[in-house]
N, C-alpha and C. Protein backbone atom coordinates (compact mmCIF):
# COMPACT_ATOMS: atom_id res chain seq x y z
N MET A 1 1.37 10.52 -29.70
CA MET A 1 1.05 12.09 -29.29
C MET A 1 0.31 12.19 -28.12
N THR A 2 0.25 13.35 -27.36
CA THR A 2 -0.42 13.40 -26.20
C THR A 2 -0.67 14.95 -26.31
N THR A 3 -1.95 14.99 -25.85
CA THR A 3 -2.58 16.49 -25.88
C THR A 3 -2.72 17.10 -24.43
N THR A 4 -2.68 18.13 -24.20
CA THR A 4 -2.97 18.56 -22.97
C THR A 4 -3.75 19.76 -22.87
N ASN A 5 -5.01 19.48 -22.00
CA ASN A 5 -5.97 20.28 -22.03
C ASN A 5 -5.73 21.37 -20.80
N LYS A 6 -5.35 22.77 -21.32
CA LYS A 6 -5.11 23.93 -20.64
C LYS A 6 -5.99 24.73 -20.46
N ARG A 7 -6.68 24.94 -19.14
CA ARG A 7 -7.91 25.78 -18.78
C ARG A 7 -7.31 27.28 -19.01
N GLN A 8 -7.63 28.29 -19.30
CA GLN A 8 -7.53 29.68 -19.42
C GLN A 8 -8.19 30.26 -18.34
N LYS A 9 -7.79 30.74 -17.78
CA LYS A 9 -8.14 31.90 -16.40
C LYS A 9 -8.91 32.86 -17.09
N LYS A 10 -10.06 32.91 -16.38
CA LYS A 10 -11.08 34.21 -16.97
C LYS A 10 -10.67 35.48 -16.48
N LYS A 11 -10.52 36.18 -17.28
CA LYS A 11 -10.13 37.81 -16.49
C LYS A 11 -11.38 38.59 -16.09
N TYR A 12 -11.60 38.96 -15.14
CA TYR A 12 -12.63 39.42 -14.61
C TYR A 12 -12.03 41.37 -14.40
N SER A 13 -13.21 42.08 -14.66
CA SER A 13 -12.66 43.49 -14.28
C SER A 13 -12.83 43.51 -12.73
N ALA A 14 -11.42 44.56 -12.30
CA ALA A 14 -11.32 45.04 -11.02
C ALA A 14 -12.07 46.37 -10.67
N HIS A 15 -12.71 46.88 -11.77
CA HIS A 15 -13.53 48.22 -11.40
C HIS A 15 -14.76 47.69 -11.48
N PRO A 16 -15.58 48.02 -10.39
CA PRO A 16 -16.87 47.99 -10.35
C PRO A 16 -17.42 48.70 -11.41
N GLU A 17 -17.43 50.17 -11.76
CA GLU A 17 -17.87 50.88 -12.78
C GLU A 17 -17.77 50.03 -13.96
N ASP A 18 -17.17 49.16 -14.31
CA ASP A 18 -17.23 48.36 -15.79
C ASP A 18 -18.15 47.40 -15.75
N ILE A 19 -19.01 47.25 -14.43
CA ILE A 19 -19.91 45.93 -14.37
C ILE A 19 -21.38 46.48 -14.72
N VAL A 20 -21.88 45.93 -15.62
CA VAL A 20 -23.28 46.39 -15.93
C VAL A 20 -24.23 45.42 -15.64
N VAL A 21 -25.43 45.78 -14.90
CA VAL A 21 -26.56 44.92 -13.79
C VAL A 21 -27.57 45.37 -14.28
N VAL A 22 -28.58 44.33 -15.00
CA VAL A 22 -30.10 44.37 -15.59
C VAL A 22 -30.81 43.76 -14.56
N ILE A 23 -31.59 44.74 -13.93
CA ILE A 23 -32.62 44.53 -12.94
C ILE A 23 -33.92 44.51 -13.43
N GLN A 24 -34.51 43.35 -13.28
CA GLN A 24 -35.82 43.38 -14.19
C GLN A 24 -37.12 43.19 -12.96
N LEU A 25 -37.82 44.08 -12.80
CA LEU A 25 -38.24 44.05 -12.00
C LEU A 25 -40.01 43.23 -12.22
N PRO A 26 -40.26 42.89 -11.24
CA PRO A 26 -41.55 41.96 -11.40
C PRO A 26 -42.74 42.69 -11.72
N TYR A 27 -43.48 42.32 -12.64
CA TYR A 27 -44.73 43.13 -13.31
C TYR A 27 -44.54 44.28 -14.22
N PHE A 28 -43.20 44.52 -14.15
CA PHE A 28 -42.87 45.94 -14.64
C PHE A 28 -43.77 46.55 -16.21
N ASP A 29 -43.84 45.38 -17.24
CA ASP A 29 -44.41 45.84 -18.18
C ASP A 29 -46.17 46.36 -17.95
N ASP A 30 -46.31 45.22 -16.76
CA ASP A 30 -47.88 45.42 -16.34
C ASP A 30 -48.33 46.54 -15.90
N GLY A 31 -46.79 47.25 -14.89
CA GLY A 31 -47.42 48.40 -14.59
C GLY A 31 -47.21 49.71 -15.49
N ILE A 32 -46.54 49.88 -16.60
CA ILE A 32 -46.24 50.22 -17.89
C ILE A 32 -47.59 50.53 -18.26
N ALA A 33 -48.26 49.00 -18.87
CA ALA A 33 -49.27 49.02 -19.59
C ALA A 33 -50.54 49.69 -18.86
N ARG A 34 -50.48 49.46 -17.51
CA ARG A 34 -51.49 50.15 -16.90
C ARG A 34 -51.83 51.75 -16.90
N LEU A 35 -50.56 52.20 -16.65
CA LEU A 35 -50.55 53.69 -16.76
C LEU A 35 -50.83 53.93 -18.16
N ALA A 36 -50.41 53.15 -19.28
CA ALA A 36 -50.79 53.52 -20.75
C ALA A 36 -52.11 53.64 -20.95
N TYR A 37 -52.49 52.49 -20.29
CA TYR A 37 -54.47 52.01 -20.41
C TYR A 37 -55.29 53.39 -19.94
N PHE A 38 -54.99 54.08 -18.60
CA PHE A 38 -55.35 55.14 -18.01
C PHE A 38 -55.08 56.61 -18.89
N LYS A 39 -54.01 56.56 -19.25
CA LYS A 39 -53.79 57.81 -20.58
C LYS A 39 -54.82 57.73 -21.57
N ALA A 40 -54.69 56.58 -22.27
CA ALA A 40 -55.65 56.42 -23.48
C ALA A 40 -57.26 56.49 -22.71
N GLU A 41 -57.50 56.20 -21.60
CA GLU A 41 -58.68 55.94 -21.11
C GLU A 41 -59.07 58.03 -21.07
N LYS A 42 -58.38 58.34 -20.49
CA LYS A 42 -58.59 59.86 -20.16
C LYS A 42 -58.30 60.61 -21.56
N ARG A 43 -57.88 60.04 -22.51
CA ARG A 43 -58.19 60.62 -23.91
C ARG A 43 -59.46 60.58 -24.78
N GLY A 44 -60.16 59.51 -24.01
CA GLY A 44 -61.02 58.71 -24.94
C GLY A 44 -61.04 57.95 -25.76
N PHE A 45 -59.86 57.10 -25.66
CA PHE A 45 -59.53 56.05 -26.49
C PHE A 45 -59.22 56.41 -27.87
N VAL A 46 -59.07 57.68 -28.28
CA VAL A 46 -58.84 58.27 -29.32
C VAL A 46 -57.39 57.41 -30.29
N PRO A 47 -57.80 56.46 -31.49
CA PRO A 47 -56.57 55.72 -31.89
C PRO A 47 -55.66 56.53 -32.76
N GLY A 48 -54.54 56.03 -32.53
CA GLY A 48 -53.11 56.79 -33.06
C GLY A 48 -52.26 57.24 -31.98
N TYR A 49 -52.49 57.18 -30.75
CA TYR A 49 -51.54 57.44 -29.97
C TYR A 49 -51.17 56.31 -28.87
N GLU A 50 -51.35 55.29 -29.39
CA GLU A 50 -50.82 54.07 -28.37
C GLU A 50 -49.60 54.34 -27.97
N LEU A 51 -48.49 54.60 -28.99
CA LEU A 51 -47.10 54.49 -28.53
C LEU A 51 -46.72 55.74 -27.94
N ASP A 52 -47.34 56.92 -27.91
CA ASP A 52 -47.15 58.18 -27.43
C ASP A 52 -47.56 57.81 -25.84
N ASP A 53 -48.73 57.23 -25.76
CA ASP A 53 -49.16 56.87 -24.16
C ASP A 53 -48.09 55.67 -23.47
N TRP A 54 -47.36 54.79 -24.40
CA TRP A 54 -46.63 53.64 -23.81
C TRP A 54 -45.32 54.71 -23.37
N LEU A 55 -44.84 55.41 -24.33
CA LEU A 55 -43.57 55.71 -23.80
C LEU A 55 -43.75 57.14 -22.82
N GLU A 56 -44.68 57.66 -22.90
CA GLU A 56 -44.80 58.55 -21.71
C GLU A 56 -44.79 57.76 -20.16
N ALA A 57 -45.83 56.74 -20.57
CA ALA A 57 -46.24 55.95 -19.25
C ALA A 57 -44.62 55.24 -18.62
N GLU A 58 -43.70 54.94 -19.56
CA GLU A 58 -42.36 54.37 -19.23
C GLU A 58 -41.64 55.55 -18.65
N ARG A 59 -41.49 56.80 -19.49
CA ARG A 59 -40.81 58.10 -18.78
C ARG A 59 -41.72 58.39 -16.91
N GLU A 60 -42.86 58.11 -16.81
CA GLU A 60 -43.12 58.28 -15.63
C GLU A 60 -43.09 57.08 -14.93
N PHE A 61 -42.95 56.01 -15.04
CA PHE A 61 -42.70 54.85 -14.43
C PHE A 61 -41.64 54.15 -13.86
N VAL A 62 -40.42 54.68 -14.93
CA VAL A 62 -39.32 53.98 -14.93
C VAL A 62 -38.41 55.04 -14.02
N PRO A 63 -37.79 54.58 -12.74
CA PRO A 63 -37.40 55.69 -11.91
C PRO A 63 -35.78 55.63 -12.57
N ARG A 64 -35.49 57.25 -12.59
CA ARG A 64 -34.10 57.49 -13.28
C ARG A 64 -33.05 58.03 -12.04
């Protein structure tokens, strides 16, 4: 009995719009954290707004 190893060719998309690229910038979270810290500092570090500060900092920091 003989076995044959057949390699299947991988199919790649011919359309560049189908390709998803994730770019991770260095110090990305550090920049957002710093901006969120300044927002909390401006507010007097009142507790309960941490997530709001972070999400607002993300919106300002991330280019769209």
